[in-house]
Protein backbone atom coordinates (compact mmCIF):
# COMPACT_ATOMS: atom_id res chain seq x y z
CA MET A 1 95.82 125.45 104.80
CA LYS A 2 99.78 126.41 105.12
CA SER A 3 101.60 123.29 106.67
CA THR A 4 104.34 123.99 109.22
CA LEU A 5 105.91 121.17 107.89
CA SER A 6 109.02 120.43 105.76
CA ARG A 7 108.16 117.96 102.88
CA ASN A 8 110.81 115.64 104.27
CA GLU A 9 108.72 115.94 107.68
CA GLU A 10 105.34 115.33 106.00
CA ILE A 11 106.60 112.14 103.61
CA THR A 12 108.14 110.72 107.32
CA ALA A 13 104.51 111.37 108.91
CA ARG A 14 102.44 109.89 105.78
CA ARG A 15 104.80 106.80 106.15
CA LEU A 16 104.31 106.39 109.67
CA LEU A 17 100.56 106.80 109.24
CA ALA A 18 100.51 104.11 106.51
CA ARG A 19 102.22 101.36 108.38
CA PRO A 20 100.15 100.16 111.57
CA GLY A 21 103.48 99.61 113.71
CA GLY A 22 105.03 102.36 112.86
CA LEU A 23 104.19 104.59 115.46
CA GLY A 24 105.17 102.18 118.03
CA ALA A 25 108.39 101.69 116.06
CA ALA A 26 109.41 105.03 115.80
CA LEU A 27 108.79 105.48 119.65
CA LYS A 28 110.67 102.05 120.32
CA GLU A 29 113.85 103.35 118.55
CA LYS A 30 113.49 106.85 120.15
CA ARG A 31 113.22 108.67 116.96
CA TRP A 32 111.73 111.81 118.66
CA ALA A 33 111.75 114.20 115.51
CA ASP A 34 109.65 111.72 113.49
CA VAL A 35 107.20 111.31 115.86
CA ALA A 36 106.53 114.63 116.75
CA ALA A 37 106.34 114.98 112.89
CA LEU A 38 103.59 112.63 112.94
CA VAL A 39 101.73 114.26 115.63
CA CYS A 40 102.04 117.51 113.81
CA PHE A 41 100.83 116.19 110.72
CA VAL A 42 97.84 114.57 112.26
CA ARG A 43 96.66 117.65 114.05
CA GLU A 44 97.25 119.77 111.14
CA HIS A 45 95.07 117.41 108.84
CA ASP A 46 92.65 116.30 111.47
CA THR A 47 90.02 118.28 110.14
CA SER A 48 91.30 119.02 106.64
CA HIS A 49 87.95 118.57 104.49
CA ASP A 50 88.84 120.40 101.66
CA LEU A 51 90.49 117.23 100.30
CA ALA A 52 87.21 115.29 100.35
CA MET A 53 86.11 117.43 97.30
CA THR A 54 89.65 117.22 95.36
CA ASP A 55 90.63 113.88 96.41
CA ALA A 56 88.06 111.11 97.86
CA ALA A 57 90.41 108.51 98.23
CA LEU A 58 93.14 110.23 99.77
CA TYR A 59 90.55 111.80 101.98
CA LYS A 60 89.08 108.40 103.06
CA THR A 61 92.68 107.14 103.41
CA LEU A 62 93.97 109.89 105.56
CA ARG A 63 90.73 109.57 107.90
CA GLN A 64 90.84 106.04 108.21
CA GLN A 65 94.34 106.42 109.18
CA ILE A 66 94.11 109.16 111.46
CA THR A 67 91.47 107.44 113.20
CA THR A 68 93.52 104.10 113.82
CA PHE A 69 96.35 106.42 115.25
CA HIS A 70 93.80 108.08 117.77
CA LEU A 71 92.42 105.12 118.59
CA ARG A 72 96.07 103.51 119.54
CA GLY A 73 96.72 106.53 121.77
CA GLY A 74 98.46 108.81 119.31
CA GLY A 75 96.35 111.93 120.06
CA ALA A 76 97.63 111.64 123.59
CA LEU A 77 101.31 112.46 122.96
CA ASN A 78 102.54 115.94 123.99
CA LEU A 79 104.01 117.79 120.64
CA GLU A 80 106.11 120.37 122.86
CA LYS A 81 107.64 117.43 124.76
CA LEU A 82 108.25 115.32 121.70
CA ARG A 83 110.03 118.70 120.18
CA GLN A 84 112.07 119.01 123.36
CA LEU A 85 113.24 115.46 123.26
CA ALA A 86 114.23 115.92 119.37
CA ALA A 87 116.13 118.86 119.82
CA GLN A 88 118.13 117.08 122.89
CA THR A 89 118.96 113.92 121.04
CA SER A 90 119.97 115.86 117.54
């Protein structure tokens, strides 16, 4: 699957996803572009089962992080609104 994120956005998204308080901190600091990258990353990689065959450990880690993201309410974030906010503040 071809990602719509740049490499820097993907690294930022993975960093936020890996830290338990990363999303909350980014929202509090109004880092809308980072939050938008995270939401986009989760939507693109949420159903990527190909990774389970090539790198099972990474797949398991991402699945756990994405599940935690959704359980904390991240799935309710509006990607288009986040992109609008990011465009307004940059």
